[in-house]
Amino acid sequence: MPRGRRIGTQSIEEQITKLDSEVERYKQKISLAREKRKTLLSKKEKEEMSELYQAIKTSGKTAGDFLNTLNDRTK
């Protein structure tokens, strides 16, 4: 029956160094994930704006007319 992984005879300094490098690696992964998220959110916003523009355009109204209609409904 397996007994699990053997940690070995690493000194405390070696263990700390190894953990520090792991922390740095994860920080880089987090940074890359945040950048990717930012890019995707920007892309989503552009798609939504394009969708909104197309809806306004197909309605036959100008952007100003659409905003006036929208403002009238909220009052």
N, C-alpha and C. Protein backbone atom coordinates (compact mmCIF):
# COMPACT_ATOMS: atom_id res chain seq x y z
N MET A 1 0.85 -1.17 0.00
CA MET A 1 0.00 0.00 0.00
C MET A 1 0.90 1.24 0.00
N PRO A 2 0.64 2.20 -0.90
CA PRO A 2 1.49 3.40 -0.96
C PRO A 2 1.39 4.22 0.32
N ARG A 3 2.49 4.81 0.66
CA ARG A 3 2.55 5.60 1.89
C ARG A 3 2.51 7.10 1.63
N GLY A 4 2.35 7.50 0.42
CA GLY A 4 2.34 8.93 0.11
C GLY A 4 3.70 9.39 -0.36
N ARG A 5 3.79 10.64 -0.69
CA ARG A 5 5.05 11.20 -1.18
C ARG A 5 5.99 11.49 -0.03
N ARG A 6 7.23 11.24 -0.29
CA ARG A 6 8.24 11.52 0.70
C ARG A 6 8.76 12.94 0.48
N ILE A 7 8.73 13.74 1.49
CA ILE A 7 9.13 15.14 1.39
C ILE A 7 10.63 15.24 1.14
N GLY A 8 11.40 14.41 1.70
CA GLY A 8 12.84 14.45 1.51
C GLY A 8 13.51 15.22 2.62
N THR A 9 14.76 15.49 2.39
CA THR A 9 15.54 16.16 3.43
C THR A 9 15.92 17.57 2.99
N GLN A 10 14.93 18.34 2.58
CA GLN A 10 15.20 19.72 2.20
C GLN A 10 15.32 20.56 3.46
N SER A 11 16.25 21.48 3.38
CA SER A 11 16.39 22.39 4.52
C SER A 11 15.22 23.38 4.52
N ILE A 12 15.05 24.04 5.61
CA ILE A 12 13.97 25.02 5.71
C ILE A 12 14.17 26.13 4.68
N GLU A 13 15.41 26.56 4.48
CA GLU A 13 15.69 27.61 3.49
C GLU A 13 15.32 27.15 2.09
N GLU A 14 15.61 25.90 1.76
CA GLU A 14 15.26 25.38 0.44
C GLU A 14 13.74 25.33 0.27
N GLN A 15 13.04 24.94 1.32
CA GLN A 15 11.58 24.90 1.26
C GLN A 15 11.01 26.30 1.08
N ILE A 16 11.56 27.27 1.80
CA ILE A 16 11.11 28.66 1.68
C ILE A 16 11.36 29.18 0.27
N THR A 17 12.54 28.90 -0.27
CA THR A 17 12.88 29.34 -1.62
C THR A 17 11.92 28.73 -2.64
N LYS A 18 11.64 27.45 -2.47
CA LYS A 18 10.72 26.76 -3.38
C LYS A 18 9.33 27.39 -3.31
N LEU A 19 8.87 27.66 -2.11
CA LEU A 19 7.55 28.28 -1.95
C LEU A 19 7.51 29.69 -2.51
N ASP A 20 8.59 30.44 -2.33
CA ASP A 20 8.66 31.79 -2.89
C ASP A 20 8.55 31.76 -4.42
N SER A 21 9.22 30.79 -5.03
CA SER A 21 9.14 30.70 -6.49
C SER A 21 7.73 30.28 -6.93
N GLU A 22 7.09 29.42 -6.15
CA GLU A 22 5.70 29.05 -6.46
C GLU A 22 4.78 30.25 -6.37
N VAL A 23 4.97 31.06 -5.33
CA VAL A 23 4.15 32.26 -5.15
C VAL A 23 4.33 33.19 -6.34
N GLU A 24 5.56 33.38 -6.80
CA GLU A 24 5.82 34.24 -7.95
C GLU A 24 5.14 33.69 -9.21
N ARG A 25 5.22 32.38 -9.38
CA ARG A 25 4.60 31.76 -10.55
C ARG A 25 3.08 31.99 -10.53
N TYR A 26 2.47 31.83 -9.37
CA TYR A 26 1.03 32.04 -9.27
C TYR A 26 0.66 33.51 -9.45
N LYS A 27 1.51 34.41 -8.99
CA LYS A 27 1.26 35.84 -9.20
C LYS A 27 1.25 36.16 -10.68
N GLN A 28 2.17 35.55 -11.43
CA GLN A 28 2.21 35.77 -12.87
C GLN A 28 0.96 35.21 -13.54
N LYS A 29 0.53 34.03 -13.08
CA LYS A 29 -0.69 33.45 -13.65
C LYS A 29 -1.89 34.34 -13.37
N ILE A 30 -1.97 34.88 -12.17
CA ILE A 30 -3.08 35.76 -11.81
C ILE A 30 -3.04 37.02 -12.68
N SER A 31 -1.86 37.57 -12.87
CA SER A 31 -1.72 38.77 -13.69
C SER A 31 -2.17 38.50 -15.13
N LEU A 32 -1.76 37.37 -15.67
CA LEU A 32 -2.17 37.02 -17.03
C LEU A 32 -3.68 36.80 -17.11
N ALA A 33 -4.24 36.16 -16.11
CA ALA A 33 -5.69 35.93 -16.09
C ALA A 33 -6.45 37.25 -16.02
N ARG A 34 -5.94 38.19 -15.23
CA ARG A 34 -6.59 39.50 -15.13
C ARG A 34 -6.55 40.24 -16.46
N GLU A 35 -5.42 40.16 -17.15
CA GLU A 35 -5.30 40.81 -18.46
C GLU A 35 -6.28 40.19 -19.45
N LYS A 36 -6.36 38.86 -19.44
CA LYS A 36 -7.27 38.17 -20.34
C LYS A 36 -8.71 38.55 -20.03
N ARG A 37 -9.04 38.64 -18.74
CA ARG A 37 -10.39 39.03 -18.32
C ARG A 37 -10.71 40.44 -18.80
N LYS A 38 -9.73 41.34 -18.66
CA LYS A 38 -9.91 42.72 -19.09
C LYS A 38 -10.17 42.78 -20.60
N THR A 39 -9.41 42.01 -21.35
CA THR A 39 -9.58 41.96 -22.80
C THR A 39 -10.95 41.43 -23.18
N LEU A 40 -11.36 40.36 -22.50
CA LEU A 40 -12.67 39.77 -22.80
C LEU A 40 -13.82 40.71 -22.44
N LEU A 41 -13.69 41.41 -21.33
CA LEU A 41 -14.73 42.38 -20.95
C LEU A 41 -14.82 43.51 -21.97
N SER A 42 -13.68 43.95 -22.46
CA SER A 42 -13.66 44.99 -23.48
C SER A 42 -14.32 44.50 -24.77
N LYS A 43 -14.00 43.28 -25.15
CA LYS A 43 -14.59 42.69 -26.35
C LYS A 43 -16.10 42.56 -26.19
N LYS A 44 -16.54 42.13 -25.01
CA LYS A 44 -17.97 41.98 -24.74
C LYS A 44 -18.68 43.33 -24.83
N GLU A 45 -18.05 44.36 -24.27
CA GLU A 45 -18.64 45.70 -24.31
C GLU A 45 -18.77 46.19 -25.76
N LYS A 46 -17.75 45.96 -26.57
CA LYS A 46 -17.80 46.38 -27.97
C LYS A 46 -18.92 45.66 -28.71
N GLU A 47 -19.08 44.35 -28.43
CA GLU A 47 -20.15 43.60 -29.08
C GLU A 47 -21.52 44.12 -28.66
N GLU A 48 -21.67 44.44 -27.38
CA GLU A 48 -22.94 44.97 -26.90
C GLU A 48 -23.23 46.33 -27.52
N MET A 49 -22.22 47.16 -27.65
CA MET A 49 -22.40 48.48 -28.26
C MET A 49 -22.79 48.33 -29.73
N SER A 50 -22.16 47.39 -30.41
CA SER A 50 -22.48 47.15 -31.81
C SER A 50 -23.93 46.65 -31.95
N GLU A 51 -24.32 45.77 -31.04
CA GLU A 51 -25.69 45.26 -31.04
C GLU A 51 -26.69 46.40 -30.82
N LEU A 52 -26.39 47.25 -29.88
CA LEU A 52 -27.26 48.39 -29.58
C LEU A 52 -27.34 49.33 -30.78
N TYR A 53 -26.21 49.59 -31.40
CA TYR A 53 -26.18 50.47 -32.57
C TYR A 53 -27.02 49.88 -33.70
N GLN A 54 -26.89 48.58 -33.92
CA GLN A 54 -27.68 47.93 -34.97
C GLN A 54 -29.17 48.01 -34.68
N ALA A 55 -29.54 47.85 -33.41
CA ALA A 55 -30.96 47.94 -33.04
C ALA A 55 -31.49 49.34 -33.29
N ILE A 56 -30.70 50.35 -32.96
CA ILE A 56 -31.12 51.74 -33.20
C ILE A 56 -31.23 51.99 -34.69
N LYS A 57 -30.26 51.50 -35.43
CA LYS A 57 -30.22 51.71 -36.87
C LYS A 57 -31.42 51.06 -37.56
N THR A 58 -31.76 49.84 -37.15
CA THR A 58 -32.88 49.15 -37.79
C THR A 58 -34.23 49.74 -37.39
N SER A 59 -34.26 50.45 -36.26
CA SER A 59 -35.52 51.08 -35.84
C SER A 59 -35.84 52.31 -36.68
N GLY A 60 -34.86 52.81 -37.40
CA GLY A 60 -35.08 53.98 -38.25
C GLY A 60 -34.95 55.29 -37.50
N LYS A 61 -34.59 55.23 -36.24
CA LYS A 61 -34.42 56.45 -35.45
C LYS A 61 -32.95 56.83 -35.39
N THR A 62 -32.73 58.10 -35.08
CA THR A 62 -31.36 58.53 -34.84
C THR A 62 -31.01 58.22 -33.39
N ALA A 63 -29.75 58.33 -33.07
CA ALA A 63 -29.33 58.08 -31.69
C ALA A 63 -30.00 59.07 -30.74
N GLY A 64 -30.14 60.32 -31.17
CA GLY A 64 -30.80 61.34 -30.36
C GLY A 64 -32.26 61.01 -30.11
N ASP A 65 -32.96 60.57 -31.17
CA ASP A 65 -34.36 60.17 -31.02
C ASP A 65 -34.49 59.02 -30.04
N PHE A 66 -33.60 58.07 -30.17
CA PHE A 66 -33.64 56.90 -29.28
C PHE A 66 -33.42 57.32 -27.83
N LEU A 67 -32.46 58.21 -27.61
CA LEU A 67 -32.20 58.68 -26.25
C LEU A 67 -33.38 59.46 -25.69
N ASN A 68 -34.00 60.28 -26.53
CA ASN A 68 -35.18 61.02 -26.08
C ASN A 68 -36.31 60.07 -25.69
N THR A 69 -36.53 59.05 -26.50
CA THR A 69 -37.56 58.06 -26.19
C THR A 69 -37.25 57.36 -24.88
N LEU A 70 -36.01 57.00 -24.72
CA LEU A 70 -35.58 56.32 -23.50
C LEU A 70 -35.75 57.22 -22.28
N ASN A 71 -35.38 58.48 -22.42
CA ASN A 71 -35.53 59.43 -21.31
C ASN A 71 -36.99 59.68 -20.97
N ASP A 72 -37.85 59.72 -21.99
CA ASP A 72 -39.28 59.93 -21.75
C ASP A 72 -39.88 58.77 -20.98
N ARG A 73 -39.42 57.57 -21.23
CA ARG A 73 -39.94 56.39 -20.54
C ARG A 73 -39.52 56.33 -19.08
N THR A 74 -38.37 56.89 -18.78
CA THR A 74 -37.89 56.84 -17.40
C THR A 74 -38.49 57.93 -16.53
N LYS A 75 -39.13 58.90 -17.15
CA LYS A 75 -39.72 60.01 -16.38
C LYS A 75 -41.09 59.66 -15.88
